[in-house]
């Protein structure tokens, strides 16, 4: 059991070390994601007053398809070269 307690102590030390290091890149990414999602909800709610639900959903889906397609193509191109 001493080996398993050593693993637990190492994990606790890593957690304390990470918490003591303060604000890091991961924290910034989470905050940017939350800010982006809030902006998305805010803008979509404003647009919802002017367009039908079906047209708005189609536009959102088409935009995401184009964005994911671009991401796929850029990833595929980088793997080929």
PDB file of N, CA and C in Angstrom:
ATOM      1  N   UNK A   1       0.815  -1.206   0.000  1.00  0.00           N
ATOM      2  CA  UNK A   1       0.000   0.000   0.000  1.00  0.00           C
ATOM      3  C   UNK A   1       0.852   1.260   0.000  1.00  0.00           C
ATOM      4  N   UNK A   2       2.118   1.121   0.373  1.00  0.00           N
ATOM      5  CA  UNK A   2       2.961   2.316   0.400  1.00  0.00           C
ATOM      6  C   UNK A   2       3.198   2.858  -0.995  1.00  0.00           C
ATOM      7  N   UNK A   3       3.241   1.962  -2.001  1.00  0.00           N
ATOM      8  CA  UNK A   3       3.426   2.433  -3.377  1.00  0.00           C
ATOM      9  C   UNK A   3       2.205   3.220  -3.829  1.00  0.00           C
ATOM     10  N   UNK A   4       1.014   2.732  -3.493  1.00  0.00           N
ATOM     11  CA  UNK A   4      -0.190   3.443  -3.923  1.00  0.00           C
ATOM     12  C   UNK A   4      -0.331   4.778  -3.207  1.00  0.00           C
ATOM     13  N   UNK A   5       0.109   4.855  -1.959  1.00  0.00           N
ATOM     14  CA  UNK A   5       0.027   6.139  -1.260  1.00  0.00           C
ATOM     15  C   UNK A   5       1.039   7.117  -1.826  1.00  0.00           C
ATOM     16  N   UNK A   6       2.155   6.620  -2.340  1.00  0.00           N
ATOM     17  CA  UNK A   6       3.139   7.493  -2.978  1.00  0.00           C
ATOM     18  C   UNK A   6       2.583   8.107  -4.249  1.00  0.00           C
ATOM     19  N   UNK A   7       1.808   7.316  -5.001  1.00  0.00           N
ATOM     20  CA  UNK A   7       1.179   7.833  -6.217  1.00  0.00           C
ATOM     21  C   UNK A   7       0.172   8.921  -5.855  1.00  0.00           C
ATOM     22  N   UNK A   8      -0.620   8.667  -4.831  1.00  0.00           N
ATOM     23  CA  UNK A   8      -1.601   9.647  -4.388  1.00  0.00           C
ATOM     24  C   UNK A   8      -0.950  10.930  -3.914  1.00  0.00           C
ATOM     25  N   UNK A   9       0.167  10.786  -3.188  1.00  0.00           N
ATOM     26  CA  UNK A   9       0.883  11.975  -2.706  1.00  0.00           C
ATOM     27  C   UNK A   9       1.459  12.760  -3.873  1.00  0.00           C
ATOM     28  N   UNK A  10       1.979  12.065  -4.889  1.00  0.00           N
ATOM     29  CA  UNK A  10       2.520  12.748  -6.065  1.00  0.00           C
ATOM     30  C   UNK A  10       1.413  13.488  -6.808  1.00  0.00           C
ATOM     31  N   UNK A  11       0.244  12.865  -6.917  1.00  0.00           N
ATOM     32  CA  UNK A  11      -0.888  13.515  -7.586  1.00  0.00           C
ATOM     33  C   UNK A  11      -1.342  14.734  -6.795  1.00  0.00           C
ATOM     34  N   UNK A  12      -1.384  14.605  -5.474  1.00  0.00           N
ATOM     35  CA  UNK A  12      -1.756  15.746  -4.634  1.00  0.00           C
ATOM     36  C   UNK A  12      -0.755  16.876  -4.782  1.00  0.00           C
ATOM     37  N   UNK A  13       0.530  16.548  -4.821  1.00  0.00           N
ATOM     38  CA  UNK A  13       1.567  17.564  -4.973  1.00  0.00           C
ATOM     39  C   UNK A  13       1.440  18.259  -6.327  1.00  0.00           C
ATOM     40  N   UNK A  14       1.135  17.500  -7.380  1.00  0.00           N
ATOM     41  CA  UNK A  14       0.970  18.089  -8.709  1.00  0.00           C
ATOM     42  C   UNK A  14      -0.242  19.013  -8.742  1.00  0.00           C
ATOM     43  N   UNK A  15      -1.317  18.610  -8.072  1.00  0.00           N
ATOM     44  CA  UNK A  15      -2.530  19.430  -8.033  1.00  0.00           C
ATOM     45  C   UNK A  15      -2.261  20.736  -7.286  1.00  0.00           C
ATOM     46  N   UNK A  16      -1.594  20.639  -6.158  1.00  0.00           N
ATOM     47  CA  UNK A  16      -1.268  21.831  -5.371  1.00  0.00           C
ATOM     48  C   UNK A  16      -0.333  22.735  -6.162  1.00  0.00           C
ATOM     49  N   UNK A  17       0.640  22.151  -6.852  1.00  0.00           N
ATOM     50  CA  UNK A  17       1.572  22.940  -7.655  1.00  0.00           C
ATOM     51  C   UNK A  17       0.849  23.666  -8.778  1.00  0.00           C
ATOM     52  N   UNK A  18      -0.062  22.973  -9.456  1.00  0.00           N
ATOM     53  CA  UNK A  18      -0.817  23.589 -10.544  1.00  0.00           C
ATOM     54  C   UNK A  18      -1.713  24.712 -10.021  1.00  0.00           C
ATOM     55  N   UNK A  19      -2.340  24.491  -8.871  1.00  0.00           N
ATOM     56  CA  UNK A  19      -3.213  25.508  -8.296  1.00  0.00           C
ATOM     57  C   UNK A  19      -2.422  26.719  -7.826  1.00  0.00           C
ATOM     58  N   UNK A  20      -1.213  26.500  -7.346  1.00  0.00           N
ATOM     59  CA  UNK A  20      -0.398  27.591  -6.831  1.00  0.00           C
ATOM     60  C   UNK A  20       0.232  28.408  -7.952  1.00  0.00           C
ATOM     61  N   UNK A  21       0.284  27.856  -9.168  1.00  0.00           N
ATOM     62  CA  UNK A  21       0.947  28.565 -10.256  1.00  0.00           C
ATOM     63  C   UNK A  21       0.130  29.744 -10.767  1.00  0.00           C
ATOM     64  N   UNK A  22      -1.142  29.821 -10.408  1.00  0.00           N
ATOM     65  CA  UNK A  22      -1.958  30.965 -10.792  1.00  0.00           C
ATOM     66  C   UNK A  22      -2.602  30.794 -12.152  1.00  0.00           C
ATOM     67  N   UNK A  23      -2.874  31.920 -12.778  1.00  0.00           N
ATOM     68  CA  UNK A  23      -3.565  31.971 -14.068  1.00  0.00           C
ATOM     69  C   UNK A  23      -2.635  31.484 -15.165  1.00  0.00           C
ATOM     70  N   UNK A  24      -3.091  30.524 -15.985  1.00  0.00           N
ATOM     71  CA  UNK A  24      -2.226  29.996 -17.043  1.00  0.00           C
ATOM     72  C   UNK A  24      -2.965  29.985 -18.382  1.00  0.00           C
ATOM     73  N   UNK A  25      -2.339  29.410 -19.387  1.00  0.00           N
ATOM     74  CA  UNK A  25      -2.885  29.399 -20.735  1.00  0.00           C
ATOM     75  C   UNK A  25      -4.228  28.666 -20.798  1.00  0.00           C
ATOM     76  N   UNK A  26      -4.355  27.569 -20.081  1.00  0.00           N
ATOM     77  CA  UNK A  26      -5.619  26.833 -20.066  1.00  0.00           C
ATOM     78  C   UNK A  26      -6.754  27.666 -19.500  1.00  0.00           C
ATOM     79  N   UNK A  27      -6.475  28.430 -18.453  1.00  0.00           N
ATOM     80  CA  UNK A  27      -7.485  29.314 -17.876  1.00  0.00           C
ATOM     81  C   UNK A  27      -7.926  30.363 -18.893  1.00  0.00           C
ATOM     82  N   UNK A  28      -6.965  30.924 -19.617  1.00  0.00           N
ATOM     83  CA  UNK A  28      -7.286  31.922 -20.635  1.00  0.00           C
ATOM     84  C   UNK A  28      -8.135  31.317 -21.743  1.00  0.00           C
ATOM     85  N   UNK A  29      -7.826  30.088 -22.134  1.00  0.00           N
ATOM     86  CA  UNK A  29      -8.606  29.428 -23.182  1.00  0.00           C
ATOM     87  C   UNK A  29     -10.042  29.186 -22.724  1.00  0.00           C
ATOM     88  N   UNK A  30     -10.225  28.792 -21.479  1.00  0.00           N
ATOM     89  CA  UNK A  30     -11.570  28.573 -20.945  1.00  0.00           C
ATOM     90  C   UNK A  30     -12.345  29.886 -20.909  1.00  0.00           C
ATOM     91  N   UNK A  31     -11.711  30.943 -20.472  1.00  0.00           N
ATOM     92  CA  UNK A  31     -12.388  32.242 -20.431  1.00  0.00           C
ATOM     93  C   UNK A  31     -12.736  32.741 -21.828  1.00  0.00           C
ATOM     94  N   UNK A  32     -11.838  32.561 -22.782  1.00  0.00           N
ATOM     95  CA  UNK A  32     -12.132  32.961 -24.159  1.00  0.00           C
ATOM     96  C   UNK A  32     -13.274  32.134 -24.742  1.00  0.00           C
ATOM     97  N   UNK A  33     -13.307  30.842 -24.419  1.00  0.00           N
ATOM     98  CA  UNK A  33     -14.404  29.995 -24.873  1.00  0.00           C
ATOM     99  C   UNK A  33     -15.736  30.444 -24.292  1.00  0.00           C
ATOM    100  N   UNK A  34     -15.741  30.773 -23.008  1.00  0.00           N
ATOM    101  CA  UNK A  34     -16.967  31.246 -22.358  1.00  0.00           C
ATOM    102  C   UNK A  34     -17.412  32.584 -22.950  1.00  0.00           C
ATOM    103  N   UNK A  35     -16.467  33.463 -23.207  1.00  0.00           N
ATOM    104  CA  UNK A  35     -16.782  34.754 -23.810  1.00  0.00           C
ATOM    105  C   UNK A  35     -17.330  34.581 -25.224  1.00  0.00           C
ATOM    106  N   UNK A  36     -16.722  33.686 -25.990  1.00  0.00           N
ATOM    107  CA  UNK A  36     -17.199  33.416 -27.345  1.00  0.00           C
ATOM    108  C   UNK A  36     -18.609  32.838 -27.331  1.00  0.00           C
ATOM    109  N   UNK A  37     -18.851  31.908 -26.431  1.00  0.00           N
ATOM    110  CA  UNK A  37     -20.178  31.296 -26.343  1.00  0.00           C
ATOM    111  C   UNK A  37     -21.218  32.332 -25.943  1.00  0.00           C
ATOM    112  N   UNK A  38     -20.873  33.214 -25.013  1.00  0.00           N
ATOM    113  CA  UNK A  38     -21.793  34.278 -24.597  1.00  0.00           C
ATOM    114  C   UNK A  38     -22.104  35.210 -25.760  1.00  0.00           C
ATOM    115  N   UNK A  39     -21.083  35.578 -26.525  1.00  0.00           N
ATOM    116  CA  UNK A  39     -21.291  36.444 -27.686  1.00  0.00           C
ATOM    117  C   UNK A  39     -22.163  35.746 -28.725  1.00  0.00           C
ATOM    118  N   UNK A  40     -21.937  34.466 -28.925  1.00  0.00           N
ATOM    119  CA  UNK A  40     -22.737  33.672 -29.868  1.00  0.00           C
ATOM    120  C   UNK A  40     -24.206  33.676 -29.462  1.00  0.00           C
ATOM    121  N   UNK A  41     -24.483  33.416 -28.206  1.00  0.00           N
ATOM    122  CA  UNK A  41     -25.861  33.387 -27.704  1.00  0.00           C
ATOM    123  C   UNK A  41     -26.499  34.764 -27.841  1.00  0.00           C
ATOM    124  N   UNK A  42     -25.757  35.794 -27.482  1.00  0.00           N
ATOM    125  CA  UNK A  42     -26.279  37.161 -27.555  1.00  0.00           C
ATOM    126  C   UNK A  42     -26.619  37.531 -28.996  1.00  0.00           C
ATOM    127  N   UNK A  43     -25.684  37.296 -29.924  1.00  0.00           N
ATOM    128  CA  UNK A  43     -25.906  37.662 -31.329  1.00  0.00           C
ATOM    129  C   UNK A  43     -27.018  36.810 -31.950  1.00  0.00           C
ATOM    130  N   UNK A  44     -27.066  35.528 -31.630  1.00  0.00           N
ATOM    131  CA  UNK A  44     -28.101  34.664 -32.183  1.00  0.00           C
ATOM    132  C   UNK A  44     -29.478  35.092 -31.695  1.00  0.00           C
ATOM    133  N   UNK A  45     -29.576  35.490 -30.438  1.00  0.00           N
ATOM    134  CA  UNK A  45     -30.873  35.927 -29.919  1.00  0.00           C
ATOM    135  C   UNK A  45     -31.325  37.214 -30.602  1.00  0.00           C
ATOM    136  N   UNK A  46     -30.389  38.076 -30.958  1.00  0.00           N
ATOM    137  CA  UNK A  46     -30.742  39.298 -31.683  1.00  0.00           C
ATOM    138  C   UNK A  46     -31.203  38.967 -33.105  1.00  0.00           C
ATOM    139  N   UNK A  47     -30.531  38.017 -33.750  1.00  0.00           N
ATOM    140  CA  UNK A  47     -30.905  37.625 -35.105  1.00  0.00           C
ATOM    141  C   UNK A  47     -32.232  36.870 -35.140  1.00  0.00           C
ATOM    142  N   UNK A  48     -32.549  36.160 -34.077  1.00  0.00           N
ATOM    143  CA  UNK A  48     -33.761  35.337 -34.038  1.00  0.00           C
ATOM    144  C   UNK A  48     -35.024  36.176 -34.183  1.00  0.00           C
ATOM    145  N   UNK A  49     -34.946  37.433 -33.830  1.00  0.00           N
ATOM    146  CA  UNK A  49     -36.109  38.306 -33.950  1.00  0.00           C
ATOM    147  C   UNK A  49     -36.416  38.662 -35.407  1.00  0.00           C
ATOM    148  N   UNK A  50     -35.444  38.495 -36.306  1.00  0.00           N
ATOM    149  CA  UNK A  50     -35.589  38.940 -37.688  1.00  0.00           C
ATOM    150  C   UNK A  50     -35.716  37.807 -38.707  1.00  0.00           C
ATOM    151  N   UNK A  51     -35.429  36.578 -38.315  1.00  0.00           N
ATOM    152  CA  UNK A  51     -35.436  35.455 -39.253  1.00  0.00           C
ATOM    153  C   UNK A  51     -36.248  34.299 -38.681  1.00  0.00           C
ATOM    154  N   UNK A  52     -36.749  33.465 -39.566  1.00  0.00           N
ATOM    155  CA  UNK A  52     -37.476  32.287 -39.102  1.00  0.00           C
ATOM    156  C   UNK A  52     -36.480  31.290 -38.481  1.00  0.00           C
ATOM    157  N   UNK A  53     -36.982  30.441 -37.624  1.00  0.00           N
ATOM    158  CA  UNK A  53     -36.121  29.456 -36.953  1.00  0.00           C
ATOM    159  C   UNK A  53     -35.434  28.541 -37.955  1.00  0.00           C
ATOM    160  N   UNK A  54     -36.160  28.109 -38.961  1.00  0.00           N
ATOM    161  CA  UNK A  54     -35.614  27.192 -39.951  1.00  0.00           C
ATOM    162  C   UNK A  54     -34.487  27.846 -40.757  1.00  0.00           C
ATOM    163  N   UNK A  55     -34.708  29.075 -41.204  1.00  0.00           N
ATOM    164  CA  UNK A  55     -33.665  29.772 -41.971  1.00  0.00           C
ATOM    165  C   UNK A  55     -32.431  30.053 -41.121  1.00  0.00           C
ATOM    166  N   UNK A  56     -32.646  30.433 -39.879  1.00  0.00           N
ATOM    167  CA  UNK A  56     -31.517  30.711 -38.987  1.00  0.00           C
ATOM    168  C   UNK A  56     -30.723  29.440 -38.704  1.00  0.00           C
ATOM    169  N   UNK A  57     -31.409  28.343 -38.461  1.00  0.00           N
ATOM    170  CA  UNK A  57     -30.713  27.080 -38.209  1.00  0.00           C
ATOM    171  C   UNK A  57     -29.956  26.625 -39.443  1.00  0.00           C
ATOM    172  N   UNK A  58     -30.545  26.783 -40.622  1.00  0.00           N
ATOM    173  CA  UNK A  58     -29.858  26.429 -41.860  1.00  0.00           C
ATOM    174  C   UNK A  58     -28.584  27.246 -42.019  1.00  0.00           C
ATOM    175  N   UNK A  59     -28.666  28.547 -41.773  1.00  0.00           N
ATOM    176  CA  UNK A  59     -27.491  29.415 -41.913  1.00  0.00           C
ATOM    177  C   UNK A  59     -26.395  29.020 -40.926  1.00  0.00           C
ATOM    178  N   UNK A  60     -26.762  28.723 -39.687  1.00  0.00           N
ATOM    179  CA  UNK A  60     -25.766  28.310 -38.691  1.00  0.00           C
ATOM    180  C   UNK A  60     -25.113  26.994 -39.093  1.00  0.00           C
ATOM    181  N   UNK A  61     -25.913  26.045 -39.560  1.00  0.00           N
ATOM    182  CA  UNK A  61     -25.385  24.740 -39.958  1.00  0.00           C
ATOM    183  C   UNK A  61     -24.479  24.875 -41.176  1.00  0.00           C
ATOM    184  N   UNK A  62     -24.885  25.681 -42.156  1.00  0.00           N
ATOM    185  CA  UNK A  62     -24.061  25.884 -43.354  1.00  0.00           C
ATOM    186  C   UNK A  62     -22.739  26.545 -42.995  1.00  0.00           C
ATOM    187  N   UNK A  63     -22.775  27.544 -42.117  1.00  0.00           N
ATOM    188  CA  UNK A  63     -21.536  28.214 -41.706  1.00  0.00           C
ATOM    189  C   UNK A  63     -20.593  27.238 -41.008  1.00  0.00           C
ATOM    190  N   UNK A  64     -21.128  26.428 -40.108  1.00  0.00           N
ATOM    191  CA  UNK A  64     -20.291  25.440 -39.421  1.00  0.00           C
ATOM    192  C   UNK A  64     -19.740  24.401 -40.390  1.00  0.00           C
ATOM    193  N   UNK A  65     -20.531  24.003 -41.374  1.00  0.00           N
ATOM    194  CA  UNK A  65     -20.054  23.038 -42.371  1.00  0.00           C
ATOM    195  C   UNK A  65     -18.870  23.619 -43.145  1.00  0.00           C
ATOM    196  N   UNK A  66     -18.956  24.882 -43.511  1.00  0.00           N
ATOM    197  CA  UNK A  66     -17.852  25.537 -44.224  1.00  0.00           C
ATOM    198  C   UNK A  66     -16.617  25.630 -43.328  1.00  0.00           C
ATOM    199  N   UNK A  67     -16.819  26.005 -42.069  1.00  0.00           N
ATOM    200  CA  UNK A  67     -15.686  26.132 -41.146  1.00  0.00           C
ATOM    201  C   UNK A  67     -15.028  24.775 -40.887  1.00  0.00           C
ATOM    202  N   UNK A  68     -15.829  23.747 -40.626  1.00  0.00           N
ATOM    203  CA  UNK A  68     -15.272  22.413 -40.402  1.00  0.00           C
ATOM    204  C   UNK A  68     -14.627  21.867 -41.666  1.00  0.00           C
ATOM    205  N   UNK A  69     -15.195  22.180 -42.822  1.00  0.00           N
ATOM    206  CA  UNK A  69     -14.589  21.765 -44.082  1.00  0.00           C
ATOM    207  C   UNK A  69     -13.217  22.389 -44.278  1.00  0.00           C
ATOM    208  N   UNK A  70     -13.102  23.665 -43.963  1.00  0.00           N
ATOM    209  CA  UNK A  70     -11.807  24.342 -44.043  1.00  0.00           C
ATOM    210  C   UNK A  70     -10.795  23.749 -43.082  1.00  0.00           C
ATOM    211  N   UNK A  71     -11.243  23.444 -41.885  1.00  0.00           N
ATOM    212  CA  UNK A  71     -10.364  22.821 -40.897  1.00  0.00           C
ATOM    213  C   UNK A  71      -9.897  21.460 -41.400  1.00  0.00           C
ATOM    214  N   UNK A  72     -10.823  20.660 -41.941  1.00  0.00           N
ATOM    215  CA  UNK A  72     -10.478  19.351 -42.477  1.00  0.00           C
ATOM    216  C   UNK A  72      -9.465  19.482 -43.598  1.00  0.00           C
ATOM    217  N   UNK A  73      -9.717  20.392 -44.540  1.00  0.00           N
ATOM    218  CA  UNK A  73      -8.820  20.547 -45.684  1.00  0.00           C
ATOM    219  C   UNK A  73      -7.430  21.023 -45.254  1.00  0.00           C
ATOM    220  N   UNK A  74      -7.373  21.922 -44.297  1.00  0.00           N
ATOM    221  CA  UNK A  74      -6.059  22.385 -43.839  1.00  0.00           C
ATOM    222  C   UNK A  74      -5.302  21.268 -43.105  1.00  0.00           C
ATOM    223  N   UNK A  75      -6.020  20.453 -42.344  1.00  0.00           N
ATOM    224  CA  UNK A  75      -5.385  19.327 -41.668  1.00  0.00           C
ATOM    225  C   UNK A  75      -4.912  18.289 -42.683  1.00  0.00           C
ATOM    226  N   UNK A  76      -5.751  17.988 -43.670  1.00  0.00           N
ATOM    227  CA  UNK A  76      -5.388  17.022 -44.702  1.00  0.00           C
ATOM    228  C   UNK A  76      -4.189  17.503 -45.500  1.00  0.00           C
ATOM    229  N   UNK A  77      -4.149  18.790 -45.830  1.00  0.00           N
ATOM    230  CA  UNK A  77      -3.027  19.354 -46.576  1.00  0.00           C
ATOM    231  C   UNK A  77      -1.737  19.293 -45.782  1.00  0.00           C
ATOM    232  N   UNK A  78      -1.813  19.532 -44.480  1.00  0.00           N
ATOM    233  CA  UNK A  78      -0.595  19.480 -43.662  1.00  0.00           C
ATOM    234  C   UNK A  78      -0.100  18.045 -43.477  1.00  0.00           C
ATOM    235  N   UNK A  79      -1.020  17.077 -43.532  1.00  0.00           N
ATOM    236  CA  UNK A  79      -0.596  15.670 -43.414  1.00  0.00           C
ATOM    237  C   UNK A  79       0.021  15.158 -44.705  1.00  0.00           C
ATOM    238  N   UNK A  80      -0.421  15.686 -45.843  1.00  0.00           N
ATOM    239  CA  UNK A  80       0.109  15.262 -47.122  1.00  0.00           C
ATOM    240  C   UNK A  80       1.522  15.790 -47.335  1.00  0.00           C
ATOM    241  N   UNK A  81       1.741  17.025 -46.979  1.00  0.00           N
ATOM    242  CA  UNK A  81       3.062  17.628 -47.216  1.00  0.00           C
ATOM    243  C   UNK A  81       4.047  17.382 -46.121  1.00  0.00           C
TER     244      UNK A  81
END
